[in-house]
């Protein structure tokens, strides 16, 4: 099921399904940082005013603005 980064709460996990169309340069930067399709991310923290957010991806922490993170197309991760 598709979800958005805005609908996630700290501790939630999601799998990157792809990147939405947009600024090609920014898309390339996200891919270079390891945000590739099939990668599982976890929302770690949200700043007090809601921006930025911290996610965990490939065993490192990454901080992004919410608007920039909205380019991520996410699927839910089923915990077994």
N, C-alpha and C. Protein backbone atom coordinates (compact mmCIF):
# COMPACT_ATOMS: atom_id res chain seq x y z
N UNK A 1 0.84 -1.17 0.00
CA UNK A 1 0.00 0.00 0.00
C UNK A 1 0.89 1.24 0.00
N UNK A 2 0.61 2.19 -0.85
CA UNK A 2 1.40 3.42 -0.94
C UNK A 2 1.10 4.34 0.23
N UNK A 3 2.16 4.92 0.78
CA UNK A 3 2.04 5.90 1.85
C UNK A 3 2.93 7.09 1.53
N UNK A 4 2.79 8.17 2.28
CA UNK A 4 3.64 9.34 2.11
C UNK A 4 4.50 9.51 3.35
N UNK A 5 5.57 10.22 3.21
CA UNK A 5 6.45 10.48 4.35
C UNK A 5 5.70 11.29 5.40
N UNK A 6 4.74 12.13 4.97
CA UNK A 6 3.97 12.96 5.90
C UNK A 6 3.04 12.11 6.77
N UNK A 7 2.63 10.94 6.29
CA UNK A 7 1.72 10.10 7.06
C UNK A 7 2.45 9.18 8.04
N UNK A 8 3.78 9.20 8.01
CA UNK A 8 4.56 8.33 8.89
C UNK A 8 4.78 8.98 10.25
N UNK A 9 4.93 8.14 11.27
CA UNK A 9 5.26 8.57 12.63
C UNK A 9 6.64 8.03 12.98
N UNK A 10 7.32 8.65 13.95
CA UNK A 10 8.63 8.13 14.35
C UNK A 10 8.54 6.64 14.70
N UNK A 11 9.49 5.88 14.16
CA UNK A 11 9.53 4.44 14.37
C UNK A 11 8.94 3.65 13.21
N UNK A 12 8.12 4.30 12.37
CA UNK A 12 7.53 3.63 11.22
C UNK A 12 8.58 3.33 10.17
N UNK A 13 8.39 2.21 9.47
CA UNK A 13 9.30 1.79 8.39
C UNK A 13 8.53 1.76 7.08
N UNK A 14 9.25 2.02 5.99
CA UNK A 14 8.65 1.97 4.65
C UNK A 14 9.72 1.57 3.65
N UNK A 15 9.27 1.04 2.53
CA UNK A 15 10.16 0.63 1.45
C UNK A 15 10.04 1.65 0.32
N UNK A 16 11.15 2.09 -0.22
CA UNK A 16 11.12 3.05 -1.32
C UNK A 16 10.69 2.33 -2.59
N UNK A 17 9.59 2.79 -3.18
CA UNK A 17 9.08 2.21 -4.42
C UNK A 17 9.66 2.94 -5.62
N UNK A 18 10.01 4.19 -5.44
CA UNK A 18 10.56 4.99 -6.53
C UNK A 18 10.63 6.45 -6.12
N UNK A 19 10.96 7.28 -7.08
CA UNK A 19 11.02 8.73 -6.85
C UNK A 19 10.05 9.40 -7.80
N UNK A 20 9.30 10.36 -7.28
CA UNK A 20 8.34 11.10 -8.10
C UNK A 20 9.09 11.99 -9.08
N UNK A 21 8.46 12.30 -10.22
CA UNK A 21 9.09 13.22 -11.17
C UNK A 21 9.36 14.56 -10.49
N UNK A 22 10.42 15.19 -10.89
CA UNK A 22 10.76 16.48 -10.29
C UNK A 22 12.14 16.90 -10.74
N UNK A 23 12.77 17.70 -9.91
CA UNK A 23 14.11 18.23 -10.19
C UNK A 23 15.09 17.07 -10.36
N UNK A 24 15.63 16.93 -11.55
CA UNK A 24 16.53 15.82 -11.85
C UNK A 24 17.78 15.82 -10.98
N UNK A 25 18.34 16.99 -10.73
CA UNK A 25 19.53 17.09 -9.90
C UNK A 25 19.28 16.61 -8.49
N UNK A 26 18.13 16.98 -7.93
CA UNK A 26 17.82 16.56 -6.57
C UNK A 26 17.55 15.06 -6.52
N UNK A 27 16.87 14.54 -7.54
CA UNK A 27 16.63 13.10 -7.62
C UNK A 27 17.96 12.34 -7.64
N UNK A 28 18.92 12.83 -8.40
CA UNK A 28 20.23 12.19 -8.48
C UNK A 28 20.94 12.21 -7.13
N UNK A 29 20.81 13.33 -6.39
CA UNK A 29 21.44 13.42 -5.06
C UNK A 29 20.84 12.39 -4.11
N UNK A 30 19.50 12.25 -4.14
CA UNK A 30 18.86 11.26 -3.27
C UNK A 30 19.33 9.85 -3.62
N UNK A 31 19.42 9.55 -4.90
CA UNK A 31 19.90 8.23 -5.32
C UNK A 31 21.34 8.01 -4.86
N UNK A 32 22.18 9.05 -4.97
CA UNK A 32 23.58 8.95 -4.56
C UNK A 32 23.71 8.73 -3.05
N UNK A 33 22.71 9.19 -2.28
CA UNK A 33 22.74 9.01 -0.83
C UNK A 33 22.18 7.66 -0.41
N UNK A 34 21.82 6.82 -1.38
CA UNK A 34 21.36 5.47 -1.07
C UNK A 34 19.86 5.31 -1.03
N UNK A 35 19.11 6.33 -1.39
CA UNK A 35 17.65 6.25 -1.39
C UNK A 35 17.18 5.68 -2.72
N UNK A 36 17.46 4.40 -2.92
CA UNK A 36 17.14 3.73 -4.17
C UNK A 36 15.91 2.82 -3.99
N UNK A 37 15.20 2.53 -5.08
CA UNK A 37 14.04 1.63 -4.97
C UNK A 37 14.41 0.30 -4.33
N UNK A 38 13.54 -0.16 -3.43
CA UNK A 38 13.76 -1.42 -2.72
C UNK A 38 14.42 -1.25 -1.37
N UNK A 39 14.92 -0.06 -1.07
CA UNK A 39 15.58 0.21 0.20
C UNK A 39 14.55 0.50 1.28
N UNK A 40 14.75 -0.06 2.46
CA UNK A 40 13.84 0.19 3.58
C UNK A 40 14.39 1.36 4.39
N UNK A 41 13.50 2.31 4.71
CA UNK A 41 13.87 3.45 5.55
C UNK A 41 13.03 3.40 6.82
N UNK A 42 13.53 4.09 7.86
CA UNK A 42 12.77 4.22 9.09
C UNK A 42 12.77 5.69 9.49
N UNK A 43 11.60 6.22 9.79
CA UNK A 43 11.49 7.59 10.28
C UNK A 43 11.95 7.61 11.72
N UNK A 44 13.00 8.34 12.02
CA UNK A 44 13.57 8.37 13.36
C UNK A 44 13.01 9.52 14.20
N UNK A 45 13.08 10.73 13.65
CA UNK A 45 12.66 11.91 14.41
C UNK A 45 12.04 12.95 13.50
N UNK A 46 11.17 13.75 14.11
CA UNK A 46 10.59 14.91 13.44
C UNK A 46 10.90 16.11 14.31
N UNK A 47 11.42 17.18 13.73
CA UNK A 47 11.74 18.38 14.49
C UNK A 47 10.47 18.95 15.13
N UNK A 48 10.61 19.69 16.22
CA UNK A 48 9.44 20.21 16.93
C UNK A 48 8.44 20.97 16.06
N UNK A 49 8.90 21.68 15.08
CA UNK A 49 7.99 22.42 14.20
C UNK A 49 7.63 21.62 12.95
N UNK A 50 8.02 20.35 12.91
CA UNK A 50 7.65 19.47 11.81
C UNK A 50 8.64 19.42 10.66
N UNK A 51 9.68 20.21 10.70
CA UNK A 51 10.65 20.22 9.62
C UNK A 51 12.01 20.58 10.19
N UNK A 52 13.07 19.86 9.94
CA UNK A 52 13.24 18.71 9.06
C UNK A 52 12.88 17.40 9.76
N UNK A 53 13.08 16.31 9.01
CA UNK A 53 12.86 14.98 9.55
C UNK A 53 14.17 14.20 9.45
N UNK A 54 14.34 13.23 10.33
CA UNK A 54 15.52 12.36 10.29
C UNK A 54 15.06 10.95 9.96
N UNK A 55 15.69 10.37 8.95
CA UNK A 55 15.39 8.98 8.59
C UNK A 55 16.66 8.15 8.72
N UNK A 56 16.47 6.88 8.93
CA UNK A 56 17.58 5.93 8.96
C UNK A 56 17.51 5.13 7.67
N UNK A 57 18.62 5.11 6.95
CA UNK A 57 18.70 4.38 5.69
C UNK A 57 20.08 3.75 5.57
N UNK A 58 20.12 2.46 5.32
CA UNK A 58 21.38 1.74 5.15
C UNK A 58 22.36 1.98 6.30
N UNK A 59 21.84 1.92 7.53
CA UNK A 59 22.65 2.07 8.75
C UNK A 59 23.28 3.45 8.93
N UNK A 60 22.70 4.50 8.36
CA UNK A 60 23.14 5.84 8.68
C UNK A 60 21.94 6.76 8.77
N UNK A 61 22.12 7.88 9.47
CA UNK A 61 21.04 8.85 9.66
C UNK A 61 21.13 9.92 8.59
N UNK A 62 19.99 10.31 8.07
CA UNK A 62 19.91 11.31 7.02
C UNK A 62 18.80 12.28 7.39
N UNK A 63 19.10 13.57 7.34
CA UNK A 63 18.11 14.60 7.66
C UNK A 63 17.70 15.29 6.38
N UNK A 64 16.39 15.36 6.15
CA UNK A 64 15.83 15.98 4.96
C UNK A 64 14.71 16.92 5.33
N UNK A 65 14.49 17.94 4.50
CA UNK A 65 13.30 18.77 4.67
C UNK A 65 12.09 17.93 4.25
N UNK A 66 10.96 18.14 4.89
CA UNK A 66 9.76 17.38 4.58
C UNK A 66 9.37 17.53 3.12
N UNK A 67 9.44 18.73 2.61
CA UNK A 67 9.08 18.98 1.21
C UNK A 67 9.99 18.20 0.26
N UNK A 68 11.27 18.16 0.57
CA UNK A 68 12.21 17.41 -0.26
C UNK A 68 11.98 15.92 -0.15
N UNK A 69 11.64 15.44 1.05
CA UNK A 69 11.41 14.01 1.26
C UNK A 69 10.11 13.54 0.61
N UNK A 70 9.23 14.49 0.28
CA UNK A 70 7.94 14.12 -0.32
C UNK A 70 8.11 13.54 -1.73
N UNK A 71 9.28 13.67 -2.30
CA UNK A 71 9.56 13.08 -3.63
C UNK A 71 9.63 11.55 -3.56
N UNK A 72 9.83 11.02 -2.34
CA UNK A 72 9.93 9.57 -2.16
C UNK A 72 8.56 8.92 -2.29
N UNK A 73 8.46 7.92 -3.16
CA UNK A 73 7.24 7.11 -3.26
C UNK A 73 7.47 5.88 -2.39
N UNK A 74 6.64 5.70 -1.38
CA UNK A 74 6.87 4.67 -0.36
C UNK A 74 5.76 3.64 -0.33
N UNK A 75 6.12 2.41 0.02
CA UNK A 75 5.18 1.32 0.29
C UNK A 75 5.35 0.91 1.74
N UNK A 76 4.26 0.41 2.32
CA UNK A 76 4.34 -0.07 3.69
C UNK A 76 5.22 -1.31 3.77
N UNK A 77 5.84 -1.51 4.93
CA UNK A 77 6.66 -2.68 5.19
C UNK A 77 5.89 -3.54 6.18
N UNK A 78 5.68 -4.78 5.82
CA UNK A 78 4.96 -5.70 6.71
C UNK A 78 5.96 -6.37 7.64
N UNK A 79 5.74 -6.21 8.93
CA UNK A 79 6.60 -6.83 9.94
C UNK A 79 6.12 -8.26 10.15
N UNK A 80 7.00 -9.21 10.17
CA UNK A 80 6.64 -10.63 10.35
C UNK A 80 6.91 -11.03 11.75
